[in-house]
Amino acid sequence: MIRTRNPERHWWPWSRRGELSPERAIRVPLVNSPRYALVDAADHPRIAVYDWWLKSVWSGARWYDYAIAYLPGGEYVLLSRLVARPSCDRNVFHRNRNGLDNRRGNLHVATDDERASATLAPRVKRNLQ
């Protein structure tokens, strides 16, 4: 028997149905790339004042892409942090692991420990006899 993935059930337990609807998404152009970032329509006025750049980082086994704005004085801000507004001790994670998808339904604010405990699958002991 082949199992098929149920489209009604999301991989992330805290995601809600309909949160990531493409109708509410606005494409934000990136200065140095033909690609774009996605944000919700409600967040667009706040982020439209910045020029957004694509930043790619190699992390172990794959490239991660992020949208970043450079500020005066050599400072910068990540688009995901500007949208989610986390406190200093928390990080922003993308549920679908796409760093350019910054819709609110795709962002999850948590500490590194909370993130690790949410993504690790529980071990199941099986009786092999």
C-alpha atoms as a PDB file:
ATOM      1  CA  MET A   1       0.000   0.000   0.000  1.00  0.00           C
ATOM      2  CA  ILE A   2       1.364   3.391  -0.959  1.00  0.00           C
ATOM      3  CA  ARG A   3       0.656   6.239   1.405  1.00  0.00           C
ATOM      4  CA  THR A   4      -0.091   9.620  -0.093  1.00  0.00           C
ATOM      5  CA  ARG A   5       0.324  12.861   1.764  1.00  0.00           C
ATOM      6  CA  ASN A   6      -2.913  14.348   3.025  1.00  0.00           C
ATOM      7  CA  PRO A   7      -3.130  17.952   1.722  1.00  0.00           C
ATOM      8  CA  GLU A   8      -5.410  18.903   4.621  1.00  0.00           C
ATOM      9  CA  ARG A   9      -2.722  18.015   7.188  1.00  0.00           C
ATOM     10  CA  HIS A  10       0.280  20.306   7.416  1.00  0.00           C
ATOM     11  CA  TRP A  11       3.771  19.143   8.273  1.00  0.00           C
ATOM     12  CA  TRP A  12       4.151  21.856  10.909  1.00  0.00           C
ATOM     13  CA  PRO A  13       1.779  21.327  13.827  1.00  0.00           C
ATOM     14  CA  TRP A  14       1.250  25.045  14.450  1.00  0.00           C
ATOM     15  CA  SER A  15       0.373  26.051  10.900  1.00  0.00           C
ATOM     16  CA  ARG A  16      -3.253  26.785  10.208  1.00  0.00           C
ATOM     17  CA  ARG A  17      -5.156  26.094   7.059  1.00  0.00           C
ATOM     18  CA  GLY A  18      -5.290  28.995   4.622  1.00  0.00           C
ATOM     19  CA  GLU A  19      -2.506  31.041   6.273  1.00  0.00           C
ATOM     20  CA  LEU A  20      -0.273  30.914   3.219  1.00  0.00           C
ATOM     21  CA  SER A  21      -2.800  31.837   0.573  1.00  0.00           C
ATOM     22  CA  PRO A  22      -1.055  33.305  -2.483  1.00  0.00           C
ATOM     23  CA  GLU A  23      -3.792  35.929  -2.936  1.00  0.00           C
ATOM     24  CA  ARG A  24      -2.500  37.909   0.049  1.00  0.00           C
ATOM     25  CA  ALA A  25       1.164  37.730  -0.986  1.00  0.00           C
ATOM     26  CA  ILE A  26       3.041  40.602  -2.580  1.00  0.00           C
ATOM     27  CA  ARG A  27       6.290  40.118  -4.486  1.00  0.00           C
ATOM     28  CA  VAL A  28       9.129  42.312  -3.261  1.00  0.00           C
ATOM     29  CA  PRO A  29      11.816  42.828  -5.929  1.00  0.00           C
ATOM     30  CA  LEU A  30      15.450  42.187  -4.976  1.00  0.00           C
ATOM     31  CA  VAL A  31      18.034  44.680  -6.244  1.00  0.00           C
ATOM     32  CA  ASN A  32      20.778  42.197  -7.142  1.00  0.00           C
ATOM     33  CA  SER A  33      18.665  39.299  -8.436  1.00  0.00           C
ATOM     34  CA  PRO A  34      15.758  38.542 -10.773  1.00  0.00           C
ATOM     35  CA  ARG A  35      14.186  36.648  -7.856  1.00  0.00           C
ATOM     36  CA  TYR A  36      11.756  38.156  -5.356  1.00  0.00           C
ATOM     37  CA  ALA A  37      10.680  37.841  -1.725  1.00  0.00           C
ATOM     38  CA  LEU A  38       7.088  37.282  -0.609  1.00  0.00           C
ATOM     39  CA  VAL A  39       5.335  39.289   2.100  1.00  0.00           C
ATOM     40  CA  ASP A  40       1.742  39.729   3.186  1.00  0.00           C
ATOM     41  CA  ALA A  41      -0.112  42.762   1.878  1.00  0.00           C
ATOM     42  CA  ALA A  42      -0.443  44.157   5.423  1.00  0.00           C
ATOM     43  CA  ASP A  43       3.366  44.229   5.839  1.00  0.00           C
ATOM     44  CA  HIS A  44       4.188  45.747   2.462  1.00  0.00           C
ATOM     45  CA  PRO A  45       3.899  49.469   3.407  1.00  0.00           C
ATOM     46  CA  ARG A  46       6.410  49.010   6.243  1.00  0.00           C
ATOM     47  CA  ILE A  47       9.013  47.213   4.137  1.00  0.00           C
ATOM     48  CA  ALA A  48       8.575  49.177   0.892  1.00  0.00           C
ATOM     49  CA  VAL A  49      10.801  52.004   2.156  1.00  0.00           C
ATOM     50  CA  TYR A  50      13.921  49.788   1.952  1.00  0.00           C
ATOM     51  CA  ASP A  51      15.916  48.395  -0.981  1.00  0.00           C
ATOM     52  CA  TRP A  52      16.066  44.618  -0.511  1.00  0.00           C
ATOM     53  CA  TRP A  53      19.036  42.505  -1.565  1.00  0.00           C
ATOM     54  CA  LEU A  54      19.441  38.765  -1.972  1.00  0.00           C
ATOM     55  CA  LYS A  55      21.967  37.219   0.404  1.00  0.00           C
ATOM     56  CA  SER A  56      22.923  33.560  -0.026  1.00  0.00           C
ATOM     57  CA  VAL A  57      24.690  31.634   2.739  1.00  0.00           C
ATOM     58  CA  TRP A  58      26.132  28.108   2.534  1.00  0.00           C
ATOM     59  CA  SER A  59      25.087  26.120   5.575  1.00  0.00           C
ATOM     60  CA  GLY A  60      26.326  22.551   5.689  1.00  0.00           C
ATOM     61  CA  ALA A  61      24.471  20.825   2.899  1.00  0.00           C
ATOM     62  CA  ARG A  62      22.600  23.583   1.084  1.00  0.00           C
ATOM     63  CA  TRP A  63      22.340  27.271   0.251  1.00  0.00           C
ATOM     64  CA  TYR A  64      19.950  29.446   2.253  1.00  0.00           C
ATOM     65  CA  ASP A  65      18.659  32.642   0.643  1.00  0.00           C
ATOM     66  CA  TYR A  66      17.522  35.659   2.643  1.00  0.00           C
ATOM     67  CA  ALA A  67      16.312  39.174   1.876  1.00  0.00           C
ATOM     68  CA  ILE A  68      18.419  41.832   3.585  1.00  0.00           C
ATOM     69  CA  ALA A  69      18.363  45.649   3.671  1.00  0.00           C
ATOM     70  CA  TYR A  70      21.525  47.612   4.370  1.00  0.00           C
ATOM     71  CA  LEU A  71      21.093  50.614   6.661  1.00  0.00           C
ATOM     72  CA  PRO A  72      23.322  53.665   7.148  1.00  0.00           C
ATOM     73  CA  GLY A  73      26.280  53.069   9.439  1.00  0.00           C
ATOM     74  CA  GLY A  74      26.992  49.563   8.169  1.00  0.00           C
ATOM     75  CA  GLU A  75      23.989  47.995   9.896  1.00  0.00           C
ATOM     76  CA  TYR A  76      21.466  45.701   8.231  1.00  0.00           C
ATOM     77  CA  VAL A  77      18.062  44.168   8.856  1.00  0.00           C
ATOM     78  CA  LEU A  78      16.642  40.848   7.675  1.00  0.00           C
ATOM     79  CA  LEU A  79      13.219  40.974   6.089  1.00  0.00           C
ATOM     80  CA  SER A  80      11.979  38.105   8.241  1.00  0.00           C
ATOM     81  CA  ARG A  81      12.914  39.945  11.460  1.00  0.00           C
ATOM     82  CA  LEU A  82      11.268  43.153  10.268  1.00  0.00           C
ATOM     83  CA  VAL A  83       8.027  41.303   9.537  1.00  0.00           C
ATOM     84  CA  ALA A  84       7.948  39.056  12.635  1.00  0.00           C
ATOM     85  CA  ARG A  85       9.378  41.599  15.132  1.00  0.00           C
ATOM     86  CA  PRO A  86      10.902  39.069  17.572  1.00  0.00           C
ATOM     87  CA  SER A  87      12.623  40.012  20.818  1.00  0.00           C
ATOM     88  CA  CYS A  88      16.428  39.949  20.911  1.00  0.00           C
ATOM     89  CA  ASP A  89      16.686  36.456  22.434  1.00  0.00           C
ATOM     90  CA  ARG A  90      14.457  34.816  19.824  1.00  0.00           C
ATOM     91  CA  ASN A  91      15.053  33.787  16.216  1.00  0.00           C
ATOM     92  CA  VAL A  92      12.777  33.696  13.200  1.00  0.00           C
ATOM     93  CA  PHE A  93      12.411  30.385  11.363  1.00  0.00           C
ATOM     94  CA  HIS A  94      10.733  29.753   8.018  1.00  0.00           C
ATOM     95  CA  ARG A  95       8.280  26.853   8.192  1.00  0.00           C
ATOM     96  CA  ASN A  96       8.741  25.893   4.554  1.00  0.00           C
ATOM     97  CA  ARG A  97      12.521  26.520   4.771  1.00  0.00           C
ATOM     98  CA  ASN A  98      12.356  29.157   2.049  1.00  0.00           C
ATOM     99  CA  GLY A  99      14.127  32.253   3.372  1.00  0.00           C
ATOM    100  CA  LEU A 100      12.499  34.451   0.731  1.00  0.00           C
ATOM    101  CA  ASP A 101       8.953  33.513   1.794  1.00  0.00           C
ATOM    102  CA  ASN A 102       8.282  36.045   4.552  1.00  0.00           C
ATOM    103  CA  ARG A 103       4.522  35.781   4.839  1.00  0.00           C
ATOM    104  CA  ARG A 104       3.395  35.814   8.466  1.00  0.00           C
ATOM    105  CA  GLY A 105       1.947  32.314   8.207  1.00  0.00           C
ATOM    106  CA  ASN A 106       5.359  30.998   7.183  1.00  0.00           C
ATOM    107  CA  LEU A 107       7.349  32.656   9.987  1.00  0.00           C
ATOM    108  CA  HIS A 108       7.808  31.073  13.392  1.00  0.00           C
ATOM    109  CA  VAL A 109       9.460  32.919  16.287  1.00  0.00           C
ATOM    110  CA  ALA A 110      11.224  30.678  18.797  1.00  0.00           C
ATOM    111  CA  THR A 111      14.463  30.136  20.664  1.00  0.00           C
ATOM    112  CA  ASP A 112      16.945  27.630  19.265  1.00  0.00           C
ATOM    113  CA  ASP A 113      15.965  25.118  21.982  1.00  0.00           C
ATOM    114  CA  GLU A 114      12.256  25.424  21.194  1.00  0.00           C
ATOM    115  CA  ARG A 115      12.978  24.953  17.507  1.00  0.00           C
ATOM    116  CA  ALA A 116      15.100  21.864  18.109  1.00  0.00           C
ATOM    117  CA  SER A 117      12.479  20.219  20.294  1.00  0.00           C
ATOM    118  CA  ALA A 118       9.743  20.937  17.726  1.00  0.00           C
ATOM    119  CA  THR A 119      11.614  19.460  14.775  1.00  0.00           C
ATOM    120  CA  LEU A 120      13.004  16.305  16.344  1.00  0.00           C
ATOM    121  CA  ALA A 121      10.816  13.277  15.855  1.00  0.00           C
ATOM    122  CA  PRO A 122      10.219  11.233  18.999  1.00  0.00           C
ATOM    123  CA  ARG A 123      11.970   7.890  19.096  1.00  0.00           C
ATOM    124  CA  VAL A 124       9.681   4.898  19.047  1.00  0.00           C
ATOM    125  CA  LYS A 125      10.780   1.602  20.523  1.00  0.00           C
ATOM    126  CA  ARG A 126       9.585  -1.336  18.516  1.00  0.00           C
ATOM    127  CA  ASN A 127       9.416  -4.916  19.506  1.00  0.00           C
ATOM    128  CA  LEU A 128      11.154  -6.787  16.719  1.00  0.00           C
ATOM    129  CA  GLN A 129      10.181 -10.255  17.907  1.00  0.00           C
END
